[in-house]
PDB file of N, CA and C in Angstrom:
ATOM      1  N   MET A   1      64.783  89.036 117.333  1.00  0.00           N
ATOM      2  CA  MET A   1      66.009  89.381 116.636  1.00  0.00           C
ATOM      3  C   MET A   1      65.739  90.376 115.510  1.00  0.00           C
ATOM      4  N   ARG A   2      66.701  91.231 115.339  1.00  0.00           N
ATOM      5  CA  ARG A   2      66.564  92.241 114.296  1.00  0.00           C
ATOM      6  C   ARG A   2      67.515  91.903 113.155  1.00  0.00           C
ATOM      7  N   GLU A   3      66.999  91.820 111.958  1.00  0.00           N
ATOM      8  CA  GLU A   3      67.811  91.450 110.793  1.00  0.00           C
ATOM      9  C   GLU A   3      68.205  92.660 109.952  1.00  0.00           C
ATOM     10  N   ALA A   4      67.689  93.838 110.264  1.00  0.00           N
ATOM     11  CA  ALA A   4      67.957  95.030 109.459  1.00  0.00           C
ATOM     12  C   ALA A   4      69.415  95.469 109.611  1.00  0.00           C
ATOM     13  N   LEU A   5      69.922  96.103 108.571  1.00  0.00           N
ATOM     14  CA  LEU A   5      71.277  96.630 108.603  1.00  0.00           C
ATOM     15  C   LEU A   5      71.308  97.942 109.385  1.00  0.00           C
ATOM     16  N   ASP A   6      72.398  98.180 110.056  1.00  0.00           N
ATOM     17  CA  ASP A   6      72.564  99.420 110.805  1.00  0.00           C
ATOM     18  C   ASP A   6      72.974 100.529 109.844  1.00  0.00           C
ATOM     19  N   GLN A   7      72.178 101.574 109.757  1.00  0.00           N
ATOM     20  CA  GLN A   7      72.443 102.641 108.802  1.00  0.00           C
ATOM     21  C   GLN A   7      73.670 103.470 109.174  1.00  0.00           C
ATOM     22  N   TRP A   8      74.016 103.520 110.442  1.00  0.00           N
ATOM     23  CA  TRP A   8      75.135 104.361 110.867  1.00  0.00           C
ATOM     24  C   TRP A   8      76.462 103.879 110.323  1.00  0.00           C
ATOM     25  N   THR A   9      76.581 102.604 110.044  1.00  0.00           N
ATOM     26  CA  THR A   9      77.801 102.082 109.427  1.00  0.00           C
ATOM     27  C   THR A   9      78.018 102.752 108.076  1.00  0.00           C
ATOM     28  N   PHE A  10      76.962 102.886 107.308  1.00  0.00           N
ATOM     29  CA  PHE A  10      77.060 103.516 105.992  1.00  0.00           C
ATOM     30  C   PHE A  10      77.303 105.017 106.114  1.00  0.00           C
ATOM     31  N   VAL A  11      76.716 105.634 107.107  1.00  0.00           N
ATOM     32  CA  VAL A  11      76.938 107.068 107.338  1.00  0.00           C
ATOM     33  C   VAL A  11      78.409 107.316 107.670  1.00  0.00           C
ATOM     34  N   TYR A  12      78.973 106.501 108.571  1.00  0.00           N
ATOM     35  CA  TYR A  12      80.387 106.646 108.930  1.00  0.00           C
ATOM     36  C   TYR A  12      81.283 106.401 107.718  1.00  0.00           C
ATOM     37  N   ALA A  13      80.933 105.411 106.926  1.00  0.00           N
ATOM     38  CA  ALA A  13      81.728 105.117 105.725  1.00  0.00           C
ATOM     39  C   ALA A  13      81.661 106.291 104.736  1.00  0.00           C
ATOM     40  N   ALA A  14      80.496 106.880 104.582  1.00  0.00           N
ATOM     41  CA  ALA A  14      80.348 108.013 103.664  1.00  0.00           C
ATOM     42  C   ALA A  14      81.183 109.208 104.138  1.00  0.00           C
ATOM     43  N   TYR A  15      81.163 109.478 105.432  1.00  0.00           N
ATOM     44  CA  TYR A  15      81.983 110.563 105.967  1.00  0.00           C
ATOM     45  C   TYR A  15      83.467 110.260 105.784  1.00  0.00           C
ATOM     46  N   ALA A  16      83.871 109.027 106.020  1.00  0.00           N
ATOM     47  CA  ALA A  16      85.278 108.650 105.855  1.00  0.00           C
ATOM     48  C   ALA A  16      85.715 108.824 104.412  1.00  0.00           C
ATOM     49  N   ILE A  17      84.882 108.413 103.470  1.00  0.00           N
ATOM     50  CA  ILE A  17      85.207 108.575 102.058  1.00  0.00           C
ATOM     51  C   ILE A  17      85.282 110.059 101.706  1.00  0.00           C
ATOM     52  N   GLY A  18      84.359 110.840 102.215  1.00  0.00           N
ATOM     53  CA  GLY A  18      84.361 112.279 101.942  1.00  0.00           C
ATOM     54  C   GLY A  18      85.602 112.972 102.489  1.00  0.00           C
ATOM     55  N   VAL A  19      85.979 112.648 103.713  1.00  0.00           N
ATOM     56  CA  VAL A  19      87.169 113.263 104.323  1.00  0.00           C
ATOM     57  C   VAL A  19      88.421 112.811 103.590  1.00  0.00           C
ATOM     58  N   ALA A  20      88.519 111.519 103.285  1.00  0.00           N
ATOM     59  CA  ALA A  20      89.694 111.008 102.571  1.00  0.00           C
ATOM     60  C   ALA A  20      89.801 111.639 101.183  1.00  0.00           C
ATOM     61  N   GLY A  21      88.682 111.781 100.502  1.00  0.00           N
ATOM     62  CA  GLY A  21      88.690 112.414  99.180  1.00  0.00           C
ATOM     63  C   GLY A  21      89.104 113.874  99.252  1.00  0.00           C
ATOM     64  N   THR A  22      88.631 114.574 100.259  1.00  0.00           N
ATOM     65  CA  THR A  22      89.000 115.977 100.440  1.00  0.00           C
ATOM     66  C   THR A  22      90.497 116.115 100.709  1.00  0.00           C
ATOM     67  N   LEU A  23      91.018 115.272 101.581  1.00  0.00           N
ATOM     68  CA  LEU A  23      92.457 115.316 101.883  1.00  0.00           C
ATOM     69  C   LEU A  23      93.293 114.962 100.661  1.00  0.00           C
ATOM     70  N   ALA A  24      92.827 113.995  99.862  1.00  0.00           N
ATOM     71  CA  ALA A  24      93.542 113.625  98.643  1.00  0.00           C
ATOM     72  C   ALA A  24      93.561 114.792  97.649  1.00  0.00           C
ATOM     73  N   MET A  25      92.452 115.490  97.517  1.00  0.00           N
ATOM     74  CA  MET A  25      92.399 116.639  96.602  1.00  0.00           C
ATOM     75  C   MET A  25      93.295 117.780  97.082  1.00  0.00           C
ATOM     76  N   ILE A  26      93.354 118.004  98.387  1.00  0.00           N
ATOM     77  CA  ILE A  26      94.239 119.034  98.937  1.00  0.00           C
ATOM     78  C   ILE A  26      95.686 118.685  98.640  1.00  0.00           C
ATOM     79  N   ALA A  27      96.057 117.421  98.866  1.00  0.00           N
ATOM     80  CA  ALA A  27      97.437 116.997  98.600  1.00  0.00           C
ATOM     81  C   ALA A  27      97.766 117.118  97.119  1.00  0.00           C
ATOM     82  N   TRP A  28      96.869 116.694  96.262  1.00  0.00           N
ATOM     83  CA  TRP A  28      97.088 116.763  94.819  1.00  0.00           C
ATOM     84  C   TRP A  28      97.238 118.220  94.368  1.00  0.00           C
ATOM     85  N   SER A  29      96.400 119.092  94.864  1.00  0.00           N
ATOM     86  CA  SER A  29      96.474 120.508  94.506  1.00  0.00           C
ATOM     87  C   SER A  29      97.774 121.136  95.009  1.00  0.00           C
ATOM     88  N   TRP A  30      98.196 120.778  96.211  1.00  0.00           N
ATOM     89  CA  TRP A  30      99.431 121.322  96.770  1.00  0.00           C
ATOM     90  C   TRP A  30     100.631 120.878  95.939  1.00  0.00           C
ATOM     91  N   ILE A  31     100.660 119.601  95.558  1.00  0.00           N
ATOM     92  CA  ILE A  31     101.765 119.100  94.729  1.00  0.00           C
ATOM     93  C   ILE A  31     101.770 119.793  93.367  1.00  0.00           C
ATOM     94  N   ALA A  32     100.608 119.963  92.760  1.00  0.00           N
ATOM     95  CA  ALA A  32     100.513 120.641  91.470  1.00  0.00           C
ATOM     96  C   ALA A  32     100.965 122.096  91.589  1.00  0.00           C
ATOM     97  N   MET A  33     100.609 122.746  92.688  1.00  0.00           N
ATOM     98  CA  MET A  33     101.027 124.131  92.911  1.00  0.00           C
ATOM     99  C   MET A  33     102.548 124.220  93.018  1.00  0.00           C
ATOM    100  N   ARG A  34     103.148 123.287  93.767  1.00  0.00           N
ATOM    101  CA  ARG A  34     104.609 123.293  93.924  1.00  0.00           C
ATOM    102  C   ARG A  34     105.309 123.083  92.581  1.00  0.00           C
ATOM    103  N   ARG A  35     104.769 122.173  91.761  1.00  0.00           N
ATOM    104  CA  ARG A  35     105.359 121.942  90.434  1.00  0.00           C
ATOM    105  C   ARG A  35     105.241 123.185  89.568  1.00  0.00           C
ATOM    106  N   ALA A  36     104.096 123.835  89.607  1.00  0.00           N
ATOM    107  CA  ALA A  36     103.896 125.043  88.802  1.00  0.00           C
ATOM    108  C   ALA A  36     104.831 126.156  89.263  1.00  0.00           C
ATOM    109  N   GLU A  37     105.022 126.302  90.554  1.00  0.00           N
ATOM    110  CA  GLU A  37     105.942 127.311  91.063  1.00  0.00           C
ATOM    111  C   GLU A  37     107.374 127.013  90.626  1.00  0.00           C
ATOM    112  N   ALA A  38     107.743 125.746  90.653  1.00  0.00           N
ATOM    113  CA  ALA A  38     109.093 125.362  90.224  1.00  0.00           C
ATOM    114  C   ALA A  38     109.281 125.645  88.737  1.00  0.00           C
ATOM    115  N   ARG A  39     108.283 125.356  87.921  1.00  0.00           N
ATOM    116  CA  ARG A  39     108.373 125.659  86.482  1.00  0.00           C
ATOM    117  C   ARG A  39     108.475 127.160  86.246  1.00  0.00           C
ATOM    118  N   ARG A  40     107.733 127.937  87.027  1.00  0.00           N
ATOM    119  CA  ARG A  40     107.774 129.390  86.873  1.00  0.00           C
ATOM    120  C   ARG A  40     109.161 129.920  87.227  1.00  0.00           C
ATOM    121  N   GLU A  41     109.725 129.437  88.312  1.00  0.00           N
ATOM    122  CA  GLU A  41     111.066 129.875  88.713  1.00  0.00           C
ATOM    123  C   GLU A  41     112.108 129.474  87.684  1.00  0.00           C
ATOM    124  N   LYS A  42     111.954 128.285  87.137  1.00  0.00           N
ATOM    125  CA  LYS A  42     112.896 127.812  86.109  1.00  0.00           C
ATOM    126  C   LYS A  42     112.807 128.695  84.866  1.00  0.00           C
ATOM    127  N   ALA A  43     111.599 129.105  84.480  1.00  0.00           N
ATOM    128  CA  ALA A  43     111.407 129.954  83.308  1.00  0.00           C
ATOM    129  C   ALA A  43     111.954 131.362  83.567  1.00  0.00           C
ATOM    130  N   LYS A  44     111.866 131.832  84.806  1.00  0.00           N
ATOM    131  CA  LYS A  44     112.376 133.162  85.137  1.00  0.00           C
ATOM    132  C   LYS A  44     113.892 133.231  85.003  1.00  0.00           C
ATOM    133  N   ARG A  45     114.575 132.138  85.350  1.00  0.00           N
ATOM    134  CA  ARG A  45     116.034 132.130  85.337  1.00  0.00           C
ATOM    135  C   ARG A  45     116.620 132.111  83.939  1.00  0.00           C
ATOM    136  N   LYS A  46     115.865 131.669  82.963  1.00  0.00           N
ATOM    137  CA  LYS A  46     116.386 131.583  81.589  1.00  0.00           C
ATOM    138  C   LYS A  46     116.479 132.925  80.923  1.00  0.00           C
TER     139      LYS A  46
END
């Protein structure tokens, strides 16, 4: 019997965390960009 932990589980988890973090940063940046564009348009109209 082998008692060692399977390293690939941790590799998959690390990739999942990396991809999820990247997608979260893209979404956050996109939302911030939309807010900034809306503020710019609002300032232009005044």
